[in-house]
Structure formats: C-alpha cells, structure tokens
Amino acid sequence: MSTASFLPAAARARRWPRVRRWPAWLAATASDPKAGLWLVIGFAAAHAVLWTLILVNLKAAQDVHMDVAEAFAWGQKFQFGYGKHPPLSGWVAGLWFKLFPVANWATYALAMATVSCGLVICWLIALRVVDRRRAFFVVVMLALYPIFNFKGFKYNPDLLQLVTLPLLVLAFLDAFEKRSVRSGLWLGLAAALALMTKYWVLTMIGAVGLAALLHPDRLRFLRSPAPWVAIAALVAVLLPHLVWLREVDFVPLTYAGDVYTQLTRAQNVQLVLGYVGHNVALLALPIALASLALALATPVWRPSALFSQTWSRGPNPGVNLSQALNVWIIQAVVAIGPVLGALAFLIYMKTDWGISLFFLTPLALVAIPALRLRRIALFHIAAIWLAITLIVLAASPWIAAREMAVNPNGAATYGARSELARELTLAWRTRFHSRWAVVAGTTEMNQPLTFYSPDHPAPLTPGEIWSSGLTSLEEARRLGFIGVCDTTDGRLPVCEAWMAANAVNAERLTITTQRFFKGYPGPAITWKVFIAPPAQ
C-alpha cells in the first residue's frame, strides 16, 4: 500500500491537484509575454547545467577534443584570423577562459552555454513565425536534437554557428518585416558576425538571399533601404578581416582547397550519402519524440481521433504564413543546396558541417498550419526532455567506463596527452628555469599540450602552410621549444625528419604515458621528445 493512501482524503485532494495543474501552468507561462521569456531562459540554463554535468561524466576518461584545445590556443592571442578559420571562435574561447579555469569541465560548460544561447535565439525566431505556445514547443524539440546535447560536446566554429546563424535568421526576419535602415544595419552586423565564425556560413547567407528573392513580398523588401544598408554594413565590418586575408595570402582558402578537394567520384558520393544519412538520423530523434508528445496529447487513442485532433484544414491564427514561408525556403535551400553543390563540384563533405544547418527544421514543421498543438503537448515534450536528461545523467558514469572497456586501444580518444603535458612542463622548467614557450608537433599533438600545460606554450605545426600565426619557426628557435612525435601516427617519419632538420642540438627523450580509469587501462603510447634549448 502506498504512503499516499494513509493520508486523509482532504490532504490528498490538496496534494494531487497541484500536480494536475502543472500542464496548465506550463502552457500559461509559455503563452505569457513576460513570463515566457524567463521560462525559456530558465529552461536553457537548466539544459546547460544538466548537460555539462552529463558531459563531465561521459568524457571523464578522455582529454578534451583537439578542436576545443585549438580554440583555446587561438584565444591566447587575439588576431583577425587563425590560418584555418576566421577569428570569432578563438575570441570567444579567449574571453571564456579569462573567466573560467583551463579545465575539462569548463570546455563542456562553454559548449553547453553556446547551444543554450542558441536555444533562446531560436525561440526569438519562432516568435516571429508562430504563437508563443508553439515557440516553446520548438525550443524543447531543439533541446532533444542531439546537436544541442551530447553531440555538441566539442566547442569549435561549427558549434558556435548555432549562435551566429540563428542571429542571422532572426535579423533577416526582422528586416524583412520592418524594412528600415536600423533593421538593415542589424542584418549586416549579424551576417558579418556569422562570416567571422566560419566561411561555411555563406550557405546560410545564400539561403537568406534566395528567400528574399523568392518570397511574394520581395519587391517591398528590395525597394526598402534594409537590404542595401545590410550589404554596406557587412562589407564595412569585414574590412579588417579582408585586409588580414590579403596579408596572409588567403591561407584559409588554401587550407580548404588542400584538405577538402582531390576526391574521386566514388569517394564524393560516399561522403555525401554519409552526410545525408547522419543528419537525417539526428533529426529523426526530436521529430519522433515530438510526435510522441502530440500523440499523448490526444485524449482518444484511435487513429481517426489522432489525425483529426492533430491535423486539420483551414487558416491557423497561430502561424504567420509570410514569415513561415521565409523559414521553409531557408531550410530547404540549406538542406539541399550543399548536397547538390558537393556532388557537382566533388567537394569533401564532413558530417559535422550539418551541425549548423538544421536548427530551423523543428520550426519549419511546427509552423505547418494544419498542425494543431494542444496545451498539454507542451507538458508532455518537456517531461520527455527531463526524463531523458535525468536517465542519461544517472547512467553517464557507467557509459564512460563501458566505452573505455570496449575500446581500450583508442589512442586518439584515450591517449594520455594531459599527463604528457605535465611531464614536459616539469622537464622544461627543471632544465631552463623558465616558462615553456613553444611546442612543435602535429595539430592533434601540439594543441592538447598547449591546453594542458600550465605554461600554455604556443603551438607550432611543422610544414603547415596555413599557420595559425600564434608563433613562428624563428621565434621557436629563439625561445627554444619541445618537439613531440607520436609513434602511433603514420606521419612519424615526416615528424622525425623535421625534428632532425630543425632541432639539431635538441636533447632527445622517449616518454611513455598510459591512463587508467575505474580500473580500465588506456593505451600505452610512446612519444619521441626533442627538447631544443633557447638560443644563447
């Protein structure tokens, strides 16, 4: 017999109605112009905190991803570009780690803070397209989208686009509606901010441009000052970066051309199919869970009732069809355009490039006028999000240990680079009684050492023509450096040849590191180390 059965009837009557009122409270709060904002901000903050805790547990046996360490390294020196990418992701990381310690948990907090900011901006977008009830439903759908939780664990330019691209779409919808000089200025600034994140955002800028040209109200927009002010503002803000591009001989474009070209047709088709399959699979989860929430909101479990109470005909006052059309066009273009372009021009397609392109999909679906959204559906989808989050939080330590047990030889995942960084810092300070200034090695090697060493040495990647600009070979020879070659890397002969040519008087060491986690051993990796002293 449950404890509740011992309570007096009056007490039970006072207790359970509160629970039954939760769906009504949630729907009322989400629909309130003032309380709705704080509900979304509170939801985004809770999402960030809970998923930071989950990621800390899930990744406890691992060092931070190379992309995260790279962003940290860029943030040590504010520049107008960093060789491979524009500067914004490095600037954000630099500011973040002035406020937070250089630790694993802070990188996961940065990633979750990024996606949670994206959730709030996507809510602001949704408010221009659908009513407040639907807008909150969209936010929870996005929180269930794996890109906004466990797949978003690594902070990099791709993830930062989940802030800058929603800002771009929000500014476009605002400019399309207001058609004023001020709205055009904000659109230009948002476009510049997006381009300072990654050049890949040209796909979204192109989609926004096509939406403006294909919309039935295009002439009203094009005859207004908004689009032309936006273009002028975009060029003006990007001018310092364009000057930098010219000064470095357009190395980011050289990087893209060297790394993401030279494919056969078969390789190209395989990569495109993998890209499409990966992103469809990720989108399937929030769509399926949203469908479950809508189905649970139907009081009669009959196919006819489910259809009639979820889908109907006629106008829907909860949808702004003009702005919904913009969203549908933008999402269709960024979903189809890159795939067709990759097939036409044999472009290398990474699955991660889809991270930033599908944040409008939940809104595009919820904005279908025939969809009817009952108030209790908000409670159901929020309960689904909370249940999944708490289950994953409880299981995360076990998942981390299980992953290491299944893949004990994963050198890239479980290689003890943080332990190596501490050993090398001690070795340098013992010999020279000074700060370790430069580390030389492959990007996968030197960036983690930059992150984990308390001296945070500047990374130098031998033979990389798209240099980050954080240091140079001349500076490395003047200040001295530690070079590291990974014996498990197929590029070991190239690394050793560079060290032989540029670290002639270096002291040579062989160091082996291994990590243990909850009794499970990670791979034992041997590193060839070259300690080149500072110039006299």
Protein backbone atom coordinates (compact mmCIF):
# COMPACT_ATOMS: atom_id res chain seq x y z
CA MET A 1 0.00 0.00 0.00
CA SER A 2 1.41 3.43 -0.94
CA THR A 3 2.17 6.17 1.55
CA ALA A 4 -0.43 8.40 -0.13
CA SER A 5 -3.21 6.00 0.88
CA PHE A 6 -2.57 6.79 4.58
CA LEU A 7 -3.18 10.50 4.01
CA PRO A 8 -6.62 11.91 4.84
CA ALA A 9 -8.84 12.46 1.84
CA ALA A 10 -8.67 16.24 2.26
CA ALA A 11 -4.87 16.16 2.28
CA ARG A 12 -4.76 14.05 -0.86
CA ALA A 13 -7.17 16.46 -2.53
CA ARG A 14 -4.83 19.35 -1.70
CA ARG A 15 -1.74 17.42 -2.84
CA TRP A 16 -2.59 15.93 -6.21
CA PRO A 17 -4.39 18.86 -7.88
CA ARG A 18 -1.08 20.72 -7.79
CA VAL A 19 0.44 18.01 -9.97
CA ARG A 20 -2.55 18.07 -12.30
CA ARG A 21 -2.16 21.84 -12.68
CA TRP A 22 1.41 21.63 -13.97
CA PRO A 23 0.42 21.26 -17.66
CA ALA A 24 -1.91 24.26 -17.37
CA TRP A 25 0.76 26.30 -15.56
CA LEU A 26 3.39 25.45 -18.20
CA ALA A 27 1.07 26.35 -21.09
CA ALA A 28 0.01 29.59 -19.40
CA THR A 29 3.60 30.59 -18.61
CA ALA A 30 4.82 29.79 -22.12
CA SER A 31 2.00 31.93 -23.55
CA ASP A 32 2.61 34.90 -21.26
CA PRO A 33 4.60 37.75 -22.91
CA LYS A 34 6.63 38.47 -19.74
CA ALA A 35 6.85 35.09 -18.02
CA GLY A 36 7.50 33.27 -21.29
CA LEU A 37 10.94 34.86 -21.70
CA TRP A 38 12.03 33.82 -18.21
CA LEU A 39 10.64 30.33 -18.77
CA VAL A 40 12.80 29.91 -21.88
CA ILE A 41 15.88 31.40 -20.21
CA GLY A 42 15.37 29.15 -17.18
CA PHE A 43 14.88 26.11 -19.40
CA ALA A 44 18.04 26.92 -21.40
CA ALA A 45 20.05 27.45 -18.19
CA ALA A 46 18.83 24.13 -16.75
CA HIS A 47 19.71 22.41 -20.03
CA ALA A 48 23.21 23.89 -19.94
CA VAL A 49 23.87 22.87 -16.32
CA LEU A 50 22.47 19.34 -16.59
CA TRP A 51 24.22 18.52 -19.85
CA THR A 52 27.50 19.99 -18.60
CA LEU A 53 27.31 17.54 -15.70
CA ILE A 54 26.49 14.72 -18.12
CA LEU A 55 29.42 15.55 -20.40
CA VAL A 56 31.83 15.80 -17.47
CA ASN A 57 30.85 12.24 -16.55
CA LEU A 58 30.71 10.89 -20.10
CA LYS A 59 34.15 12.28 -21.02
CA ALA A 60 35.85 11.65 -17.67
CA ALA A 61 38.29 9.15 -19.20
CA GLN A 62 39.20 11.42 -22.10
CA ASP A 63 41.16 14.57 -22.78
CA VAL A 64 39.32 17.41 -24.46
CA HIS A 65 38.81 17.18 -28.20
CA MET A 66 41.51 18.65 -30.42
CA ASP A 67 39.09 21.29 -31.77
CA VAL A 68 38.48 22.57 -28.24
CA ALA A 69 42.19 22.74 -27.46
CA GLU A 70 42.74 24.52 -30.78
CA ALA A 71 40.12 27.16 -29.97
CA PHE A 72 41.78 27.68 -26.58
CA ALA A 73 45.17 28.12 -28.24
CA TRP A 74 43.75 30.69 -30.66
CA GLY A 75 42.23 32.59 -27.76
CA GLN A 76 45.66 33.13 -26.22
CA LYS A 77 46.38 35.74 -28.90
CA PHE A 78 43.61 37.86 -30.41
CA GLN A 79 44.08 38.13 -34.17
CA PHE A 80 41.92 38.82 -37.24
CA GLY A 81 42.21 35.18 -38.30
CA TYR A 82 43.91 31.93 -37.35
CA GLY A 83 45.03 30.27 -40.57
CA LYS A 84 42.23 27.75 -40.98
CA HIS A 85 39.25 29.86 -39.88
CA PRO A 86 38.07 33.40 -39.14
CA PRO A 87 38.68 34.63 -35.60
CA LEU A 88 35.36 34.65 -33.71
CA SER A 89 35.56 31.16 -32.18
CA GLY A 90 39.06 31.93 -30.89
CA TRP A 91 37.94 35.27 -29.45
CA VAL A 92 35.02 33.66 -27.62
CA ALA A 93 37.28 30.94 -26.19
CA GLY A 94 39.83 33.55 -25.13
CA LEU A 95 37.21 35.55 -23.25
CA TRP A 96 35.66 32.42 -21.71
CA PHE A 97 38.94 31.19 -20.25
CA LYS A 98 39.68 34.58 -18.76
CA LEU A 99 36.62 33.95 -16.59
CA PHE A 100 36.89 30.17 -16.09
CA PRO A 101 39.80 27.85 -15.27
CA VAL A 102 41.53 25.88 -18.02
CA ALA A 103 39.90 22.58 -17.16
CA ASN A 104 37.91 19.89 -18.93
CA TRP A 105 34.63 20.82 -17.26
CA ALA A 106 34.95 24.44 -18.39
CA THR A 107 35.15 23.34 -22.05
CA TYR A 108 31.92 21.36 -21.73
CA ALA A 109 30.31 24.31 -19.95
CA LEU A 110 31.39 26.53 -22.86
CA ALA A 111 29.84 24.12 -25.38
CA MET A 112 26.56 23.90 -23.47
CA ALA A 113 26.45 27.65 -22.87
CA THR A 114 26.82 28.08 -26.63
CA VAL A 115 23.97 25.76 -27.58
CA SER A 116 21.76 27.12 -24.80
CA CYS A 117 22.22 30.66 -26.10
CA GLY A 118 21.21 29.23 -29.45
CA LEU A 119 18.02 27.85 -27.89
CA VAL A 120 16.98 31.31 -26.67
CA ILE A 121 17.71 32.91 -30.05
CA CYS A 122 15.74 30.16 -31.84
CA TRP A 123 12.81 30.96 -29.53
CA LEU A 124 13.00 34.60 -30.61
CA ILE A 125 12.96 33.43 -34.23
CA ALA A 126 9.95 31.22 -33.57
CA LEU A 127 8.02 34.13 -32.05
CA ARG A 128 8.11 35.85 -35.44
CA VAL A 129 6.64 32.79 -37.12
CA VAL A 130 4.30 31.04 -34.66
CA ASP A 131 2.47 31.75 -31.42
CA ARG A 132 4.19 31.50 -28.02
CA ARG A 133 2.89 28.01 -27.30
CA ARG A 134 4.39 26.63 -30.50
CA ALA A 135 7.58 28.62 -29.95
CA PHE A 136 8.24 26.90 -26.63
CA PHE A 137 7.47 23.52 -28.21
CA VAL A 138 10.15 24.31 -30.82
CA VAL A 139 12.72 25.10 -28.10
CA VAL A 140 12.18 21.77 -26.33
CA MET A 141 12.37 19.93 -29.68
CA LEU A 142 15.76 21.56 -30.25
CA ALA A 143 16.91 20.57 -26.76
CA LEU A 144 16.16 16.95 -27.76
CA TYR A 145 18.12 17.32 -31.02
CA PRO A 146 21.48 15.56 -30.37
CA ILE A 147 23.43 18.52 -31.75
CA PHE A 148 22.17 20.53 -28.76
CA ASN A 149 23.22 17.95 -26.18
CA PHE A 150 25.70 15.05 -26.34
CA LYS A 151 26.77 15.66 -29.99
CA GLY A 152 27.51 19.26 -29.07
CA PHE A 153 30.24 18.37 -26.59
CA LYS A 154 33.11 19.99 -28.51
CA TYR A 155 33.27 23.75 -28.80
CA ASN A 156 34.51 24.76 -32.27
CA PRO A 157 33.46 27.06 -35.15
CA ASP A 158 30.76 24.58 -36.20
CA LEU A 159 29.12 24.71 -32.78
CA LEU A 160 29.43 28.49 -32.49
CA GLN A 161 27.36 28.76 -35.66
CA LEU A 162 24.39 27.62 -33.53
CA VAL A 163 24.54 31.15 -32.11
CA THR A 164 25.60 33.25 -35.11
CA LEU A 165 23.37 31.64 -37.74
CA PRO A 166 20.18 31.92 -35.64
CA LEU A 167 21.15 35.58 -35.08
CA LEU A 168 21.44 35.98 -38.86
CA VAL A 169 18.00 34.43 -39.48
CA LEU A 170 16.45 36.49 -36.67
CA ALA A 171 17.92 39.69 -38.12
CA PHE A 172 16.66 38.76 -41.60
CA LEU A 173 13.10 38.10 -40.42
CA ASP A 174 13.18 41.41 -38.56
CA ALA A 175 14.50 43.30 -41.59
CA PHE A 176 12.03 41.60 -43.93
CA GLU A 177 9.17 42.74 -41.71
CA LYS A 178 10.31 46.26 -40.77
CA ARG A 179 12.31 47.18 -43.93
CA SER A 180 14.05 50.02 -42.06
CA VAL A 181 17.61 51.35 -42.00
CA ARG A 182 18.10 50.14 -38.44
CA SER A 183 16.90 46.61 -39.22
CA GLY A 184 19.17 46.53 -42.27
CA LEU A 185 22.12 47.59 -40.10
CA TRP A 186 21.42 44.75 -37.66
CA LEU A 187 21.17 42.29 -40.58
CA GLY A 188 24.56 43.38 -41.91
CA LEU A 189 26.16 43.09 -38.48
CA ALA A 190 24.65 39.62 -37.96
CA ALA A 191 25.91 38.47 -41.37
CA ALA A 192 29.40 39.77 -40.57
CA LEU A 193 29.38 38.02 -37.21
CA ALA A 194 28.39 34.77 -38.93
CA LEU A 195 31.16 35.09 -41.52
CA MET A 196 33.67 35.75 -38.75
CA THR A 197 32.75 32.33 -37.38
CA LYS A 198 33.32 30.19 -40.46
CA TYR A 199 33.17 30.73 -44.21
CA TRP A 200 30.75 27.80 -44.46
CA VAL A 201 28.01 30.21 -43.36
CA LEU A 202 27.93 31.51 -46.94
CA THR A 203 25.46 28.66 -47.45
CA MET A 204 23.07 30.26 -44.96
CA ILE A 205 23.67 33.77 -46.31
CA GLY A 206 22.88 32.45 -49.79
CA ALA A 207 19.72 30.80 -48.47
CA VAL A 208 18.62 34.07 -46.84
CA GLY A 209 19.23 35.88 -50.13
CA LEU A 210 17.17 33.33 -52.06
CA ALA A 211 14.35 33.60 -49.53
CA ALA A 212 14.31 37.37 -50.06
CA LEU A 213 14.18 36.89 -53.84
CA LEU A 214 11.61 34.07 -53.92
CA HIS A 215 9.13 35.49 -51.40
CA PRO A 216 5.96 37.03 -52.89
CA ASP A 217 6.71 40.27 -50.98
CA ARG A 218 10.23 40.52 -52.38
CA LEU A 219 9.70 43.86 -54.15
CA ARG A 220 8.60 45.58 -50.95
CA PHE A 221 11.79 44.34 -49.26
CA LEU A 222 14.14 45.07 -52.17
CA ARG A 223 12.77 48.60 -52.62
CA SER A 224 13.41 49.39 -48.96
CA PRO A 225 16.80 50.52 -47.61
CA ALA A 226 17.17 47.39 -45.43
CA PRO A 227 18.99 45.01 -47.84
CA TRP A 228 21.35 47.69 -49.17
CA VAL A 229 22.23 49.00 -45.72
CA ALA A 230 22.88 45.37 -44.71
CA ILE A 231 25.33 44.86 -47.57
CA ALA A 232 27.19 48.08 -46.77
CA ALA A 233 27.39 47.21 -43.07
CA LEU A 234 28.61 43.69 -43.86
CA VAL A 235 31.48 44.98 -46.02
CA ALA A 236 32.45 47.70 -43.53
CA VAL A 237 32.63 45.31 -40.55
CA LEU A 238 34.51 42.64 -42.52
CA LEU A 239 37.10 45.07 -43.88
CA PRO A 240 39.79 44.39 -41.20
CA HIS A 241 39.41 40.64 -41.73
CA LEU A 242 39.59 41.06 -45.53
CA VAL A 243 42.82 43.05 -45.11
CA TRP A 244 44.19 40.24 -42.94
CA LEU A 245 43.19 37.67 -45.57
CA ARG A 246 45.19 39.52 -48.18
CA GLU A 247 48.20 39.91 -45.87
CA VAL A 248 48.34 36.15 -45.22
CA ASP A 249 47.82 35.33 -48.91
CA PHE A 250 44.33 33.86 -48.30
CA VAL A 251 45.65 30.87 -46.35
CA PRO A 252 42.20 29.78 -45.04
CA LEU A 253 41.12 29.25 -48.64
CA THR A 254 44.36 27.36 -49.30
CA TYR A 255 43.60 25.17 -46.30
CA ALA A 256 40.11 24.39 -47.57
CA GLY A 257 41.44 23.67 -51.06
CA ASP A 258 44.19 21.34 -49.82
CA VAL A 259 42.15 19.42 -47.26
CA TYR A 260 38.69 19.15 -48.81
CA THR A 261 39.35 18.55 -52.50
CA GLN A 262 41.03 15.92 -54.70
CA LEU A 263 38.27 13.33 -54.39
CA THR A 264 37.22 10.64 -56.80
CA ARG A 265 33.57 10.50 -57.81
CA ALA A 266 33.05 7.33 -55.76
CA GLN A 267 34.58 8.94 -52.64
CA ASN A 268 32.47 12.04 -53.18
CA VAL A 269 29.21 10.10 -53.44
CA GLN A 270 30.07 8.02 -50.38
CA LEU A 271 30.79 11.14 -48.30
CA VAL A 272 27.61 12.87 -49.45
CA LEU A 273 25.50 9.81 -48.62
CA GLY A 274 27.15 9.64 -45.19
CA TYR A 275 26.45 13.34 -44.64
CA VAL A 276 22.77 12.96 -45.58
CA GLY A 277 22.28 9.77 -43.55
CA HIS A 278 23.99 11.21 -40.49
CA ASN A 279 21.89 14.36 -40.39
CA VAL A 280 18.63 12.58 -41.17
CA ALA A 281 19.29 10.16 -38.30
CA LEU A 282 19.99 13.02 -35.88
CA LEU A 283 16.83 14.87 -36.87
CA ALA A 284 14.74 11.72 -36.55
CA LEU A 285 15.08 11.73 -32.75
CA PRO A 286 13.47 15.12 -31.94
CA ILE A 287 10.83 14.58 -34.63
CA ALA A 288 9.91 11.15 -33.24
CA LEU A 289 9.77 12.43 -29.65
CA ALA A 290 7.69 15.45 -30.66
CA SER A 291 5.30 13.11 -32.47
CA LEU A 292 5.03 11.06 -29.28
CA ALA A 293 4.22 14.20 -27.28
CA LEU A 294 1.49 15.13 -29.76
CA ALA A 295 0.08 11.61 -29.71
CA LEU A 296 -0.04 11.57 -25.91
CA ALA A 297 -1.96 14.85 -26.04
CA THR A 298 -4.79 13.16 -27.95
CA PRO A 299 -7.44 12.10 -25.42
CA VAL A 300 -8.82 9.24 -27.54
CA TRP A 301 -6.37 6.62 -28.76
CA ARG A 302 -7.96 5.91 -32.12
CA PRO A 303 -6.27 6.56 -35.47
CA SER A 304 -9.16 8.72 -36.64
CA ALA A 305 -9.17 10.77 -33.45
CA LEU A 306 -5.39 11.14 -33.51
CA PHE A 307 -5.49 12.50 -37.03
CA SER A 308 -8.48 14.79 -36.57
CA GLN A 309 -7.16 16.34 -33.35
CA THR A 310 -3.58 16.74 -34.59
CA TRP A 311 -4.17 17.79 -38.20
CA SER A 312 -6.97 19.93 -39.60
CA ARG A 313 -7.76 22.20 -42.51
CA GLY A 314 -8.31 25.91 -42.73
CA PRO A 315 -6.39 29.02 -41.60
CA ASN A 316 -4.37 28.93 -38.41
CA PRO A 317 -4.07 32.15 -36.39
CA GLY A 318 -1.05 30.68 -34.59
CA VAL A 319 1.12 30.82 -37.74
CA ASN A 320 2.48 33.87 -39.60
CA LEU A 321 2.43 32.44 -43.12
CA SER A 322 4.61 35.19 -44.60
CA GLN A 323 7.48 34.57 -42.18
CA ALA A 324 6.86 30.81 -42.21
CA LEU A 325 7.47 30.87 -45.96
CA ASN A 326 10.87 32.50 -45.36
CA VAL A 327 11.76 29.75 -42.87
CA TRP A 328 10.63 26.98 -45.24
CA ILE A 329 12.69 28.42 -48.10
CA ILE A 330 15.82 28.90 -45.98
CA GLN A 331 15.65 25.40 -44.52
CA ALA A 332 15.01 23.80 -47.92
CA VAL A 333 17.95 25.63 -49.51
CA VAL A 334 20.49 24.76 -46.80
CA ALA A 335 19.27 21.17 -46.73
CA ILE A 336 19.51 20.59 -50.47
CA GLY A 337 21.99 23.19 -51.75
CA PRO A 338 25.21 21.94 -50.11
CA VAL A 339 24.48 18.35 -51.16
CA LEU A 340 23.92 19.32 -54.80
CA GLY A 341 26.98 21.57 -54.74
CA ALA A 342 29.16 18.81 -53.30
CA LEU A 343 28.04 16.37 -55.98
CA ALA A 344 28.51 18.90 -58.77
CA PHE A 345 31.99 20.08 -57.76
CA LEU A 346 33.39 16.96 -55.99
CA ILE A 347 33.53 18.76 -52.63
CA TYR A 348 34.52 16.91 -49.49
CA MET A 349 31.50 16.77 -47.14
CA LYS A 350 32.08 16.30 -43.41
CA THR A 351 29.13 15.14 -41.34
CA ASP A 352 29.85 17.85 -38.76
CA TRP A 353 29.14 20.54 -41.34
CA GLY A 354 25.45 19.79 -40.92
CA ILE A 355 25.55 20.84 -37.26
CA SER A 356 24.61 24.42 -38.07
CA LEU A 357 22.19 23.90 -40.94
CA PHE A 358 19.13 22.22 -39.44
CA PHE A 359 18.21 24.30 -36.40
CA LEU A 360 15.19 25.60 -38.34
CA THR A 361 13.76 22.13 -39.01
CA PRO A 362 11.62 21.93 -35.81
CA LEU A 363 10.21 25.40 -36.50
CA ALA A 364 9.56 24.55 -40.15
CA LEU A 365 7.49 21.54 -39.02
CA VAL A 366 5.66 23.24 -36.15
CA ALA A 367 4.78 26.14 -38.47
CA ILE A 368 2.70 23.87 -40.73
CA PRO A 369 -0.75 25.49 -40.42
CA ALA A 370 -2.60 22.16 -40.43
CA LEU A 371 -0.80 21.07 -37.25
CA ARG A 372 -2.86 21.57 -34.11
CA LEU A 373 -0.91 21.87 -30.87
CA ARG A 374 -2.87 21.21 -27.68
CA ARG A 375 -1.64 22.84 -24.46
CA ILE A 376 -0.85 19.55 -22.74
CA ALA A 377 1.59 18.66 -25.53
CA LEU A 378 3.99 21.23 -24.03
CA PHE A 379 3.98 19.37 -20.75
CA HIS A 380 4.49 16.01 -22.47
CA ILE A 381 7.50 17.10 -24.52
CA ALA A 382 9.05 18.88 -21.51
CA ALA A 383 8.56 15.73 -19.42
CA ILE A 384 10.18 13.64 -22.15
CA TRP A 385 13.19 16.00 -22.21
CA LEU A 386 13.52 15.88 -18.42
CA ALA A 387 13.20 12.09 -18.24
CA ILE A 388 15.82 11.51 -20.94
CA THR A 389 18.19 14.05 -19.40
CA LEU A 390 17.98 12.57 -15.90
CA ILE A 391 18.33 9.00 -17.17
CA VAL A 392 21.44 9.89 -19.16
CA LEU A 393 22.84 11.80 -16.16
CA ALA A 394 22.39 8.77 -13.92
CA ALA A 395 23.89 6.39 -16.50
CA SER A 396 26.76 8.62 -17.66
CA PRO A 397 29.49 7.25 -15.29
CA TRP A 398 28.66 3.69 -16.33
CA ILE A 399 28.62 4.68 -20.02
CA ALA A 400 32.09 6.27 -19.72
CA ALA A 401 33.60 3.18 -18.13
CA ARG A 402 31.87 0.89 -20.62
CA GLU A 403 33.15 2.85 -23.62
CA MET A 404 36.73 2.60 -22.39
CA ALA A 405 36.35 -1.12 -21.70
CA VAL A 406 35.09 -1.70 -25.25
CA ASN A 407 37.78 0.47 -26.90
CA PRO A 408 40.86 0.21 -24.67
CA ASN A 409 43.33 0.87 -27.51
CA GLY A 410 41.77 4.08 -28.80
CA ALA A 411 44.91 6.21 -28.90
CA ALA A 412 43.13 9.26 -30.29
CA THR A 413 40.43 9.06 -27.61
CA TYR A 414 42.26 7.80 -24.53
CA GLY A 415 45.87 8.82 -25.23
CA ALA A 416 47.23 10.43 -22.08
CA ARG A 417 48.21 13.79 -23.54
CA SER A 418 47.34 15.72 -20.39
CA GLU A 419 49.77 13.56 -18.40
CA LEU A 420 52.43 14.11 -21.09
CA ALA A 421 51.89 17.90 -20.90
CA ARG A 422 52.60 17.91 -17.18
CA GLU A 423 55.74 15.75 -17.64
CA LEU A 424 57.09 18.02 -20.38
CA THR A 425 56.39 21.21 -18.41
CA LEU A 426 58.36 19.82 -15.47
CA ALA A 427 61.19 18.73 -17.78
CA TRP A 428 61.47 22.20 -19.34
CA ARG A 429 61.35 24.10 -16.04
CA THR A 430 63.90 21.77 -14.45
CA ARG A 431 66.37 22.39 -17.27
CA PHE A 432 65.89 26.07 -18.04
CA HIS A 433 64.06 27.54 -15.03
CA SER A 434 61.76 29.47 -17.34
CA ARG A 435 58.36 29.22 -18.98
CA TRP A 436 57.93 26.65 -21.76
CA ALA A 437 57.09 28.91 -24.73
CA VAL A 438 56.63 26.76 -27.86
CA VAL A 439 55.53 23.19 -28.62
CA ALA A 440 56.11 21.69 -32.07
CA GLY A 441 54.19 18.76 -33.49
CA THR A 442 51.12 17.80 -35.46
CA THR A 443 47.91 19.70 -34.72
CA GLU A 444 46.47 16.66 -32.97
CA MET A 445 49.56 16.64 -30.76
CA ASN A 446 50.54 20.22 -30.02
CA GLN A 447 47.09 21.74 -29.35
CA PRO A 448 46.27 19.43 -26.38
CA LEU A 449 49.73 20.13 -24.93
CA THR A 450 49.02 23.86 -25.22
CA PHE A 451 45.76 23.37 -23.33
CA TYR A 452 47.03 21.10 -20.55
CA SER A 453 50.44 22.57 -19.81
CA PRO A 454 50.22 25.28 -17.12
CA ASP A 455 52.65 27.29 -19.32
CA HIS A 456 50.28 27.07 -22.34
CA PRO A 457 53.09 27.07 -24.94
CA ALA A 458 52.23 28.43 -28.38
CA PRO A 459 51.66 25.60 -30.92
CA LEU A 460 53.88 25.29 -34.00
CA THR A 461 52.81 22.81 -36.67
CA PRO A 462 55.74 21.82 -38.90
CA GLY A 463 55.12 22.19 -42.63
CA GLU A 464 51.64 23.68 -42.21
CA ILE A 465 51.28 26.47 -44.77
CA TRP A 466 48.07 27.71 -43.11
CA SER A 467 49.92 28.74 -39.95
CA SER A 468 47.77 29.98 -37.08
CA GLY A 469 50.11 32.91 -36.59
CA LEU A 470 50.50 32.19 -32.88
CA THR A 471 54.25 31.68 -33.25
CA SER A 472 56.87 31.04 -35.94
CA LEU A 473 59.90 28.84 -36.53
CA GLU A 474 62.18 31.83 -35.93
CA GLU A 475 60.55 32.51 -32.59
CA ALA A 476 60.72 28.84 -31.67
CA ARG A 477 64.46 28.76 -32.34
CA ARG A 478 64.98 31.93 -30.29
CA LEU A 479 62.87 30.88 -27.29
CA GLY A 480 63.57 27.16 -27.55
CA PHE A 481 60.87 24.53 -27.96
CA ILE A 482 59.82 20.99 -27.23
CA GLY A 483 59.01 18.88 -30.26
CA VAL A 484 56.86 15.75 -29.89
CA CYS A 485 56.33 12.92 -32.38
CA ASP A 486 53.62 10.31 -31.81
CA THR A 487 54.93 6.82 -32.54
CA THR A 488 51.38 5.61 -33.31
CA ASP A 489 50.93 8.26 -36.02
CA GLY A 490 51.52 7.32 -39.65
CA ARG A 491 53.23 10.70 -40.14
CA LEU A 492 56.03 9.74 -37.72
CA PRO A 493 58.80 9.71 -40.42
CA VAL A 494 57.81 13.22 -41.55
CA CYS A 495 57.80 14.45 -37.95
CA GLU A 496 61.20 12.92 -37.20
CA ALA A 497 62.68 14.38 -40.39
CA TRP A 498 61.51 17.87 -39.43
CA MET A 499 62.93 17.50 -35.93
CA ALA A 500 66.25 16.30 -37.33
CA ALA A 501 66.44 19.41 -39.50
CA ASN A 502 65.24 21.99 -37.02
CA ALA A 503 66.19 20.59 -33.60
CA VAL A 504 69.80 19.61 -34.30
CA ASN A 505 71.09 20.29 -30.79
CA ALA A 506 67.98 19.05 -29.03
CA GLU A 507 68.05 16.65 -26.12
CA ARG A 508 66.16 13.51 -27.12
CA LEU A 509 63.88 11.61 -24.77
CA THR A 510 61.44 8.74 -25.05
CA ILE A 511 58.40 9.01 -22.78
CA THR A 512 55.57 6.51 -22.41
CA THR A 513 52.23 7.52 -20.88
CA GLN A 514 49.15 5.50 -20.00
CA ARG A 515 45.88 6.39 -18.35
CA PHE A 516 43.72 4.24 -16.05
CA PHE A 517 40.04 4.91 -15.47
CA LYS A 518 37.92 2.97 -12.99
CA GLY A 519 40.33 0.05 -13.25
CA TYR A 520 40.38 0.02 -17.07
CA PRO A 521 43.76 0.71 -18.74
CA GLY A 522 44.01 3.03 -21.69
CA PRO A 523 46.59 2.62 -24.45
CA ALA A 524 50.27 2.93 -23.56
CA ILE A 525 51.70 5.42 -26.06
CA THR A 526 55.38 6.15 -26.61
CA TRP A 527 56.32 9.70 -27.55
CA LYS A 528 59.60 10.81 -29.09
CA VAL A 529 60.50 14.10 -27.45
CA PHE A 530 63.03 16.72 -28.65
CA ILE A 531 63.95 19.48 -26.18
CA ALA A 532 65.60 22.30 -28.12
CA PRO A 533 67.20 24.88 -25.77
CA PRO A 534 66.73 28.64 -26.12
CA ALA A 535 69.22 30.49 -28.29
CA GLN A 536 72.19 31.91 -26.38
